[in-house]
């Protein structure tokens, strides 16, 4: 849901600001998220140091508030999630969309879910297919997210704002909540 606010800009012309609600910001987060196939999955590793690795997204379920990944039961990711469930997903698209999602992850081993989410390319990592005894699912539940969305016309708006700021010797001011926002999920 969005609402509009109008105000004068100083020269008599009205400026209309779109005020995004939590639901529309969450929709924006999921819209951006669904455009990615891979995330940088960040956990706390040995000594509390952040550890990142690229992970293919098996499924995004906005209704359940879950993002699913396949992993190995005996791998570093599984070990790290046993010690600390707080995780971070980071996404970047060629200068158009950026997304950081913080949440909690847990390992699950439900055979029905594994079969439902299975794709043949996963056989590279799990040679025995969906029945591979080493396979597990990571169930990531987001708590909060921050996004920078310069897709479509927003990219042109940002480029114009950046060029104007450059010519004035200033930094660009991104105030459009459709371009940049934070939200709890």
Protein backbone atom coordinates (compact mmCIF):
# COMPACT_ATOMS: atom_id res chain seq x y z
CA UNK A 1 0.00 0.00 0.00
CA UNK A 2 1.25 3.44 -0.92
CA UNK A 3 0.03 6.90 0.03
CA UNK A 4 0.92 10.22 -1.52
CA UNK A 5 1.95 13.40 0.24
CA UNK A 6 2.13 16.74 -1.54
CA UNK A 7 4.18 19.77 -0.57
CA UNK A 8 5.50 22.87 -2.32
CA UNK A 9 9.09 22.90 -3.53
CA UNK A 10 9.64 26.62 -2.97
CA UNK A 11 8.75 27.91 -6.44
CA UNK A 12 5.04 27.19 -6.17
CA UNK A 13 5.10 23.78 -7.84
CA UNK A 14 3.80 20.83 -5.89
CA UNK A 15 6.07 17.90 -5.20
CA UNK A 16 4.41 14.57 -4.63
CA UNK A 17 6.22 12.06 -2.43
CA UNK A 18 5.22 8.43 -2.37
CA UNK A 19 5.24 7.08 1.15
CA UNK A 20 5.68 3.32 1.12
CA UNK A 21 4.20 1.19 3.85
CA UNK A 22 5.86 -1.85 5.38
CA UNK A 23 3.89 -4.17 3.09
CA UNK A 24 4.91 -2.39 -0.10
CA UNK A 25 8.55 -2.29 1.03
CA UNK A 26 8.39 -6.03 1.77
CA UNK A 27 6.87 -6.59 -1.68
CA UNK A 28 9.75 -4.60 -3.19
CA UNK A 29 12.26 -6.74 -1.28
CA UNK A 30 10.68 -9.96 -2.54
CA UNK A 31 10.37 -8.58 -6.08
CA UNK A 32 14.10 -7.82 -6.11
CA UNK A 33 14.92 -11.14 -4.42
CA UNK A 34 13.01 -13.16 -7.02
CA UNK A 35 15.22 -11.63 -9.72
CA UNK A 36 18.29 -13.43 -8.35
CA UNK A 37 19.31 -17.06 -8.66
CA UNK A 38 22.37 -16.87 -6.40
CA UNK A 39 23.07 -15.25 -3.04
CA UNK A 40 26.22 -14.61 -1.11
CA UNK A 41 25.31 -16.53 2.06
CA UNK A 42 27.15 -15.10 5.07
CA UNK A 43 27.55 -16.95 8.38
CA UNK A 44 29.80 -16.57 11.39
CA UNK A 45 32.72 -18.92 10.99
CA UNK A 46 35.63 -19.88 13.20
CA UNK A 47 36.38 -17.28 15.85
CA UNK A 48 33.24 -15.33 14.97
CA UNK A 49 34.65 -14.17 11.63
CA UNK A 50 32.13 -13.66 8.82
CA UNK A 51 32.33 -16.32 6.13
CA UNK A 52 30.63 -15.98 2.75
CA UNK A 53 29.95 -18.37 -0.07
CA UNK A 54 27.77 -18.23 -3.21
CA UNK A 55 24.64 -20.37 -2.88
CA UNK A 56 22.02 -21.15 -5.51
CA UNK A 57 18.49 -20.25 -4.38
CA UNK A 58 16.29 -23.33 -4.53
CA UNK A 59 13.03 -21.50 -3.80
CA UNK A 60 11.62 -18.19 -2.52
CA UNK A 61 8.32 -18.50 -0.63
CA UNK A 62 7.06 -15.00 0.13
CA UNK A 63 3.88 -16.24 1.81
CA UNK A 64 5.83 -18.38 4.29
CA UNK A 65 8.65 -15.83 4.56
CA UNK A 66 11.29 -18.39 3.60
CA UNK A 67 14.20 -18.75 1.20
CA UNK A 68 15.44 -22.31 0.60
CA UNK A 69 18.91 -23.57 -0.30
CA UNK A 70 20.48 -27.02 -0.68
CA UNK A 71 23.63 -27.83 1.27
CA UNK A 72 25.72 -30.76 2.45
CA UNK A 73 25.05 -32.15 5.94
CA UNK A 74 28.78 -32.41 6.61
CA UNK A 75 29.92 -29.10 5.13
CA UNK A 76 31.14 -25.90 6.76
CA UNK A 77 27.78 -24.18 6.27
CA UNK A 78 25.95 -26.90 8.20
CA UNK A 79 28.53 -26.73 11.00
CA UNK A 80 28.32 -22.94 11.21
CA UNK A 81 24.50 -22.96 11.30
CA UNK A 82 24.56 -25.43 14.18
CA UNK A 83 26.58 -22.88 16.18
CA UNK A 84 24.88 -19.63 15.09
CA UNK A 85 21.58 -19.27 13.23
CA UNK A 86 21.90 -15.54 12.46
CA UNK A 87 22.77 -15.21 8.78
CA UNK A 88 22.95 -12.61 6.04
CA UNK A 89 22.11 -12.88 2.34
CA UNK A 90 23.69 -10.34 0.00
CA UNK A 91 22.70 -9.76 -3.63
CA UNK A 92 24.02 -7.48 -6.37
CA UNK A 93 22.83 -7.01 -9.92
CA UNK A 94 24.86 -5.13 -12.55
CA UNK A 95 24.43 -1.66 -10.97
CA UNK A 96 20.63 -1.93 -10.91
CA UNK A 97 19.56 -3.74 -7.76
CA UNK A 98 21.23 -4.39 -4.44
CA UNK A 99 19.76 -6.26 -1.52
CA UNK A 100 20.91 -7.20 1.98
CA UNK A 101 18.64 -9.52 3.98
CA UNK A 102 19.31 -10.45 7.61
CA UNK A 103 17.60 -13.39 9.26
CA UNK A 104 17.90 -16.81 10.83
CA UNK A 105 18.67 -20.13 9.16
CA UNK A 106 18.21 -23.73 10.17
CA UNK A 107 18.96 -27.07 8.58
CA UNK A 108 16.08 -29.36 7.66
CA UNK A 109 16.09 -32.81 6.11
CA UNK A 110 12.51 -33.44 5.01
CA UNK A 111 12.57 -35.83 2.06
CA UNK A 112 9.30 -34.41 0.69
CA UNK A 113 10.71 -30.86 0.62
CA UNK A 114 13.96 -32.06 -0.93
CA UNK A 115 12.06 -33.85 -3.73
CA UNK A 116 9.76 -30.86 -4.27
CA UNK A 117 12.67 -28.39 -4.61
CA UNK A 118 15.07 -30.73 -6.45
CA UNK A 119 16.50 -29.63 -9.82
CA UNK A 120 18.69 -31.83 -11.98
CA UNK A 121 21.71 -29.44 -11.92
CA UNK A 122 22.01 -30.12 -8.15
CA UNK A 123 23.27 -33.59 -9.10
CA UNK A 124 26.72 -32.03 -9.58
CA UNK A 125 26.86 -31.53 -5.80
CA UNK A 126 24.68 -34.49 -4.81
CA UNK A 127 25.49 -37.33 -7.23
CA UNK A 128 22.86 -39.68 -5.81
CA UNK A 129 20.09 -37.20 -6.61
CA UNK A 130 17.36 -36.23 -4.16
CA UNK A 131 17.98 -39.45 -2.21
CA UNK A 132 21.63 -38.53 -1.53
CA UNK A 133 22.19 -39.18 2.21
CA UNK A 134 24.42 -36.09 2.46
CA UNK A 135 21.73 -33.62 1.35
CA UNK A 136 20.05 -31.07 3.62
CA UNK A 137 17.97 -27.96 3.11
CA UNK A 138 18.68 -24.57 4.60
CA UNK A 139 15.50 -22.78 5.62
CA UNK A 140 16.29 -19.04 5.81
CA UNK A 141 13.69 -16.76 7.44
CA UNK A 142 14.33 -13.03 6.90
CA UNK A 143 13.93 -10.55 9.75
CA UNK A 144 14.91 -7.31 8.03
CA UNK A 145 16.16 -6.07 4.69
CA UNK A 146 17.68 -3.06 3.02
CA UNK A 147 17.47 -2.47 -0.71
CA UNK A 148 18.70 -0.12 -3.41
CA UNK A 149 16.52 -0.50 -6.49
CA UNK A 150 17.60 1.26 -9.67
CA UNK A 151 15.84 -1.01 -12.12
CA UNK A 152 13.88 0.41 -15.07
CA UNK A 153 13.07 4.11 -14.93
CA UNK A 154 14.52 4.37 -11.42
CA UNK A 155 17.93 3.78 -13.00
CA UNK A 156 17.47 6.83 -15.23
CA UNK A 157 16.31 8.88 -12.24
CA UNK A 158 19.39 7.85 -10.28
CA UNK A 159 21.73 8.57 -13.20
CA UNK A 160 20.18 12.05 -13.57
CA UNK A 161 20.47 12.71 -9.81
CA UNK A 162 24.10 11.50 -9.87
CA UNK A 163 25.02 13.63 -12.88
CA UNK A 164 23.38 16.71 -11.34
CA UNK A 165 25.20 16.12 -8.05
CA UNK A 166 28.50 15.64 -9.88
CA UNK A 167 28.11 18.93 -11.75
CA UNK A 168 27.30 20.73 -8.49
CA UNK A 169 30.19 19.09 -6.63
CA UNK A 170 27.76 17.35 -4.28
CA UNK A 171 26.76 13.79 -3.52
CA UNK A 172 23.50 12.36 -4.89
CA UNK A 173 20.54 12.37 -2.54
CA UNK A 174 18.37 9.28 -2.89
CA UNK A 175 15.15 10.14 -1.08
CA UNK A 176 12.69 8.07 -3.12
CA UNK A 177 11.53 5.17 -0.91
CA UNK A 178 11.03 3.09 -4.05
CA UNK A 179 14.77 3.38 -4.73
CA UNK A 180 16.14 2.84 -1.24
CA UNK A 181 14.49 1.49 1.84
CA UNK A 182 14.76 -0.59 5.00
CA UNK A 183 12.02 -2.81 6.35
CA UNK A 184 11.30 -5.52 8.86
CA UNK A 185 9.96 -8.69 7.29
